[in-house]
Amino acid sequence: MIKLNGKQVPVSKDLYEISLLDFIRDQVLLKGTKYGCGQGLCGACTIHLDGIARRACQLNVADAVGHEVTTIEGLAGTSGETGSDDLHPVQKAWIAEAVPQCGYCQPGQIMTAAALLREKPQPDADQIRAGMNGNICRCGTYERIHRAVARAAREDQS
């Protein structure tokens, strides 16, 4: 079993060796986690494994058995707010700062930012830059991404 976005998902052992990314997208049919490079270098497939940002393309299903996995589809329910329909503070900041351009990398960016803010609730600019390093945005919206992370940190504390 894998606890995926708060729900127990059974996993047959014949799927243990496929990538967690393929399992999420092709078996569970959650399409928010994106395939980017397949080598863990771009961040498009970032999920949370027990609350830690990880690249789903670099994990096998067996790595997630018995653990909690959160994808972009389940992030809203992890913010501590009432009701699972509420957006996570990072998602709210992304909207307020009009971050996405093409949007392909945004689920991975958001998942990385949420994990960063859980670890460092009030990061400075250098910590944001370091924490978001490794998430590639082909459209170059890095300044908006950094503003959104800073905004989420400010607004989550108020």
C-alpha atoms as a PDB file:
ATOM      1  CA  MET A   1       0.000   0.000   0.000  1.00  0.00           C
ATOM      2  CA  ILE A   2       0.982   3.563  -0.670  1.00  0.00           C
ATOM      3  CA  LYS A   3      -0.765   6.416   1.061  1.00  0.00           C
ATOM      4  CA  LEU A   4      -1.303   8.713  -1.925  1.00  0.00           C
ATOM      5  CA  ASN A   5      -2.843  12.120  -1.285  1.00  0.00           C
ATOM      6  CA  GLY A   6      -4.336  10.826   1.948  1.00  0.00           C
ATOM      7  CA  LYS A   7      -5.849   7.635   0.507  1.00  0.00           C
ATOM      8  CA  GLN A   8      -4.498   4.111   0.767  1.00  0.00           C
ATOM      9  CA  VAL A   9      -3.715   2.780  -2.715  1.00  0.00           C
ATOM     10  CA  PRO A  10      -3.047  -0.927  -3.137  1.00  0.00           C
ATOM     11  CA  VAL A  11       0.022  -1.838  -5.191  1.00  0.00           C
ATOM     12  CA  SER A  12       0.675  -5.230  -6.724  1.00  0.00           C
ATOM     13  CA  LYS A  13       4.242  -6.471  -6.460  1.00  0.00           C
ATOM     14  CA  ASP A  14       4.560  -6.702 -10.241  1.00  0.00           C
ATOM     15  CA  LEU A  15       4.549  -2.870 -10.283  1.00  0.00           C
ATOM     16  CA  TYR A  16       7.306  -2.443  -7.672  1.00  0.00           C
ATOM     17  CA  GLU A  17      10.059  -1.888 -10.245  1.00  0.00           C
ATOM     18  CA  ILE A  18       8.343   0.767 -12.371  1.00  0.00           C
ATOM     19  CA  SER A  19       9.061   4.400 -11.641  1.00  0.00           C
ATOM     20  CA  LEU A  20       6.851   6.140  -9.133  1.00  0.00           C
ATOM     21  CA  LEU A  21       6.205   8.765 -11.823  1.00  0.00           C
ATOM     22  CA  ASP A  22       4.820   6.138 -14.218  1.00  0.00           C
ATOM     23  CA  PHE A  23       2.721   4.636 -11.422  1.00  0.00           C
ATOM     24  CA  ILE A  24       1.231   8.013 -10.505  1.00  0.00           C
ATOM     25  CA  ARG A  25       0.512   8.996 -14.108  1.00  0.00           C
ATOM     26  CA  ASP A  26      -0.343   5.680 -15.763  1.00  0.00           C
ATOM     27  CA  GLN A  27      -1.772   3.506 -12.992  1.00  0.00           C
ATOM     28  CA  VAL A  28      -3.448   6.035 -10.686  1.00  0.00           C
ATOM     29  CA  LEU A  29      -4.138   8.460 -13.573  1.00  0.00           C
ATOM     30  CA  LEU A  30      -3.034  11.618 -11.775  1.00  0.00           C
ATOM     31  CA  LYS A  31      -1.551  13.754 -14.540  1.00  0.00           C
ATOM     32  CA  GLY A  32      -0.339  16.784 -12.562  1.00  0.00           C
ATOM     33  CA  THR A  33       3.084  15.278 -11.899  1.00  0.00           C
ATOM     34  CA  LYS A  34       4.952  15.823 -15.168  1.00  0.00           C
ATOM     35  CA  TYR A  35       7.598  13.871 -17.031  1.00  0.00           C
ATOM     36  CA  GLY A  36      10.462  16.199 -17.868  1.00  0.00           C
ATOM     37  CA  CYS A  37      13.934  14.758 -18.267  1.00  0.00           C
ATOM     38  CA  GLY A  38      13.611  11.321 -16.676  1.00  0.00           C
ATOM     39  CA  GLN A  39      16.927  11.863 -14.896  1.00  0.00           C
ATOM     40  CA  GLY A  40      15.885  13.884 -11.843  1.00  0.00           C
ATOM     41  CA  LEU A  41      17.487  17.059 -13.189  1.00  0.00           C
ATOM     42  CA  CYS A  42      14.553  19.310 -14.120  1.00  0.00           C
ATOM     43  CA  GLY A  43      12.143  19.004 -11.180  1.00  0.00           C
ATOM     44  CA  ALA A  44       8.959  18.601 -13.261  1.00  0.00           C
ATOM     45  CA  CYS A  45       8.135  15.332 -11.484  1.00  0.00           C
ATOM     46  CA  THR A  46       8.622  16.599  -7.914  1.00  0.00           C
ATOM     47  CA  ILE A  47       6.348  15.002  -5.328  1.00  0.00           C
ATOM     48  CA  HIS A  48       6.537  14.761  -1.547  1.00  0.00           C
ATOM     49  CA  LEU A  49       7.597  11.452  -0.036  1.00  0.00           C
ATOM     50  CA  ASP A  50       6.872  11.621   3.685  1.00  0.00           C
ATOM     51  CA  GLY A  51       6.872  15.413   3.356  1.00  0.00           C
ATOM     52  CA  ILE A  52      10.232  15.669   1.581  1.00  0.00           C
ATOM     53  CA  ALA A  53      10.478  16.913  -2.008  1.00  0.00           C
ATOM     54  CA  ARG A  54      11.688  14.065  -4.209  1.00  0.00           C
ATOM     55  CA  ARG A  55      11.884  13.382  -7.938  1.00  0.00           C
ATOM     56  CA  ALA A  56       9.300  10.721  -8.798  1.00  0.00           C
ATOM     57  CA  CYS A  57      11.235   9.677 -11.916  1.00  0.00           C
ATOM     58  CA  GLN A  58      14.120   8.587  -9.691  1.00  0.00           C
ATOM     59  CA  LEU A  59      12.042   6.433  -7.343  1.00  0.00           C
ATOM     60  CA  ASN A  60      10.545   3.020  -7.932  1.00  0.00           C
ATOM     61  CA  VAL A  61       7.109   2.128  -6.632  1.00  0.00           C
ATOM     62  CA  ALA A  62       8.816  -0.124  -4.074  1.00  0.00           C
ATOM     63  CA  ASP A  63      10.476   2.978  -2.592  1.00  0.00           C
ATOM     64  CA  ALA A  64       7.042   4.419  -1.798  1.00  0.00           C
ATOM     65  CA  VAL A  65       5.336   1.320  -0.391  1.00  0.00           C
ATOM     66  CA  GLY A  66       4.463   1.976   3.242  1.00  0.00           C
ATOM     67  CA  HIS A  67       5.082   5.699   2.838  1.00  0.00           C
ATOM     68  CA  GLU A  68       3.017   8.817   2.265  1.00  0.00           C
ATOM     69  CA  VAL A  69       3.147  10.374  -1.201  1.00  0.00           C
ATOM     70  CA  THR A  70       1.655  13.762  -1.995  1.00  0.00           C
ATOM     71  CA  THR A  71       1.256  15.016  -5.540  1.00  0.00           C
ATOM     72  CA  ILE A  72       0.153  18.440  -6.729  1.00  0.00           C
ATOM     73  CA  GLU A  73      -3.442  17.136  -6.720  1.00  0.00           C
ATOM     74  CA  GLY A  74      -3.220  16.441  -2.977  1.00  0.00           C
ATOM     75  CA  LEU A  75      -1.254  19.502  -1.894  1.00  0.00           C
ATOM     76  CA  ALA A  76      -4.291  21.623  -1.030  1.00  0.00           C
ATOM     77  CA  GLY A  77      -5.292  19.175   1.695  1.00  0.00           C
ATOM     78  CA  THR A  78      -1.873  19.446   3.392  1.00  0.00           C
ATOM     79  CA  SER A  79      -1.874  23.152   4.231  1.00  0.00           C
ATOM     80  CA  GLY A  80      -3.546  22.705   7.594  1.00  0.00           C
ATOM     81  CA  GLU A  81      -6.539  24.752   6.484  1.00  0.00           C
ATOM     82  CA  THR A  82     -10.072  23.461   6.862  1.00  0.00           C
ATOM     83  CA  GLY A  83     -11.518  21.583   3.923  1.00  0.00           C
ATOM     84  CA  SER A  84      -9.543  19.829   1.225  1.00  0.00           C
ATOM     85  CA  ASP A  85     -10.784  22.280  -1.422  1.00  0.00           C
ATOM     86  CA  ASP A  86      -8.747  25.134   0.067  1.00  0.00           C
ATOM     87  CA  LEU A  87      -5.623  26.014  -1.864  1.00  0.00           C
ATOM     88  CA  HIS A  88      -2.231  25.644  -0.250  1.00  0.00           C
ATOM     89  CA  PRO A  89      -0.590  29.026   0.573  1.00  0.00           C
ATOM     90  CA  VAL A  90       1.977  28.405  -2.187  1.00  0.00           C
ATOM     91  CA  GLN A  91      -0.789  27.843  -4.734  1.00  0.00           C
ATOM     92  CA  LYS A  92      -2.489  31.067  -3.635  1.00  0.00           C
ATOM     93  CA  ALA A  93       0.793  32.959  -3.999  1.00  0.00           C
ATOM     94  CA  TRP A  94       1.362  31.448  -7.455  1.00  0.00           C
ATOM     95  CA  ILE A  95      -1.984  32.846  -8.565  1.00  0.00           C
ATOM     96  CA  ALA A  96      -1.408  36.242  -6.943  1.00  0.00           C
ATOM     97  CA  GLU A  97       1.998  36.614  -8.615  1.00  0.00           C
ATOM     98  CA  ALA A  98       0.748  35.283 -11.988  1.00  0.00           C
ATOM     99  CA  VAL A  99       3.681  32.876 -12.081  1.00  0.00           C
ATOM    100  CA  PRO A 100       2.833  30.393 -14.856  1.00  0.00           C
ATOM    101  CA  GLN A 101       3.544  31.090 -18.462  1.00  0.00           C
ATOM    102  CA  CYS A 102       3.316  27.732 -20.253  1.00  0.00           C
ATOM    103  CA  GLY A 103       2.735  26.039 -16.876  1.00  0.00           C
ATOM    104  CA  TYR A 104       4.449  22.719 -17.574  1.00  0.00           C
ATOM    105  CA  CYS A 105       7.001  22.993 -14.752  1.00  0.00           C
ATOM    106  CA  GLN A 106       4.640  24.592 -12.261  1.00  0.00           C
ATOM    107  CA  PRO A 107       3.484  21.475 -10.354  1.00  0.00           C
ATOM    108  CA  GLY A 108       7.111  20.579  -9.632  1.00  0.00           C
ATOM    109  CA  GLN A 109       7.960  24.173  -8.752  1.00  0.00           C
ATOM    110  CA  ILE A 110       4.996  24.401  -6.371  1.00  0.00           C
ATOM    111  CA  MET A 111       5.804  21.077  -4.698  1.00  0.00           C
ATOM    112  CA  THR A 112       9.426  22.143  -4.212  1.00  0.00           C
ATOM    113  CA  ALA A 113       8.354  25.516  -2.793  1.00  0.00           C
ATOM    114  CA  ALA A 114       5.882  23.914  -0.370  1.00  0.00           C
ATOM    115  CA  ALA A 115       8.574  21.556   0.938  1.00  0.00           C
ATOM    116  CA  LEU A 116      11.037  24.452   1.243  1.00  0.00           C
ATOM    117  CA  LEU A 117       8.570  26.510   3.297  1.00  0.00           C
ATOM    118  CA  ARG A 118       7.791  23.553   5.556  1.00  0.00           C
ATOM    119  CA  GLU A 119      11.521  23.261   6.279  1.00  0.00           C
ATOM    120  CA  LYS A 120      12.254  27.015   6.364  1.00  0.00           C
ATOM    121  CA  PRO A 121       9.044  28.972   7.034  1.00  0.00           C
ATOM    122  CA  GLN A 122      10.755  32.369   6.612  1.00  0.00           C
ATOM    123  CA  PRO A 123      13.482  31.900   3.981  1.00  0.00           C
ATOM    124  CA  ASP A 124      15.556  34.828   2.813  1.00  0.00           C
ATOM    125  CA  ALA A 125      16.233  35.451  -0.901  1.00  0.00           C
ATOM    126  CA  ASP A 126      19.367  33.288  -0.928  1.00  0.00           C
ATOM    127  CA  GLN A 127      17.553  30.405   0.777  1.00  0.00           C
ATOM    128  CA  ILE A 128      14.711  30.635  -1.742  1.00  0.00           C
ATOM    129  CA  ARG A 129      17.178  30.626  -4.628  1.00  0.00           C
ATOM    130  CA  ALA A 130      19.046  27.627  -3.178  1.00  0.00           C
ATOM    131  CA  GLY A 131      15.851  25.782  -2.262  1.00  0.00           C
ATOM    132  CA  MET A 132      14.364  26.167  -5.720  1.00  0.00           C
ATOM    133  CA  ASN A 133      17.621  25.303  -7.495  1.00  0.00           C
ATOM    134  CA  GLY A 134      17.228  22.312  -9.778  1.00  0.00           C
ATOM    135  CA  ASN A 135      13.705  23.169 -10.909  1.00  0.00           C
ATOM    136  CA  ILE A 136      13.950  24.291 -14.502  1.00  0.00           C
ATOM    137  CA  CYS A 137      11.502  26.722 -16.069  1.00  0.00           C
ATOM    138  CA  ARG A 138      11.954  26.925 -19.826  1.00  0.00           C
ATOM    139  CA  CYS A 139       9.877  30.106 -19.915  1.00  0.00           C
ATOM    140  CA  GLY A 140      12.200  31.818 -17.449  1.00  0.00           C
ATOM    141  CA  THR A 141       9.633  32.910 -14.855  1.00  0.00           C
ATOM    142  CA  TYR A 142      12.188  32.572 -12.063  1.00  0.00           C
ATOM    143  CA  GLU A 143      11.664  36.077 -10.667  1.00  0.00           C
ATOM    144  CA  ARG A 144       7.900  35.506 -10.390  1.00  0.00           C
ATOM    145  CA  ILE A 145       8.566  32.094  -8.805  1.00  0.00           C
ATOM    146  CA  HIS A 146      10.858  33.663  -6.210  1.00  0.00           C
ATOM    147  CA  ARG A 147       8.324  36.440  -5.495  1.00  0.00           C
ATOM    148  CA  ALA A 148       5.591  33.844  -5.042  1.00  0.00           C
ATOM    149  CA  VAL A 149       7.671  31.787  -2.596  1.00  0.00           C
ATOM    150  CA  ALA A 150       8.450  34.924  -0.574  1.00  0.00           C
ATOM    151  CA  ARG A 151       4.785  35.948  -0.668  1.00  0.00           C
ATOM    152  CA  ALA A 152       3.632  32.504   0.503  1.00  0.00           C
ATOM    153  CA  ALA A 153       6.085  32.712   3.412  1.00  0.00           C
ATOM    154  CA  ARG A 154       4.820  36.191   4.399  1.00  0.00           C
ATOM    155  CA  GLU A 155       1.124  35.409   4.032  1.00  0.00           C
ATOM    156  CA  ASP A 156       1.298  32.019   5.737  1.00  0.00           C
ATOM    157  CA  GLN A 157       2.704  33.734   8.848  1.00  0.00           C
ATOM    158  CA  SER A 158       0.008  36.406   9.057  1.00  0.00           C
END
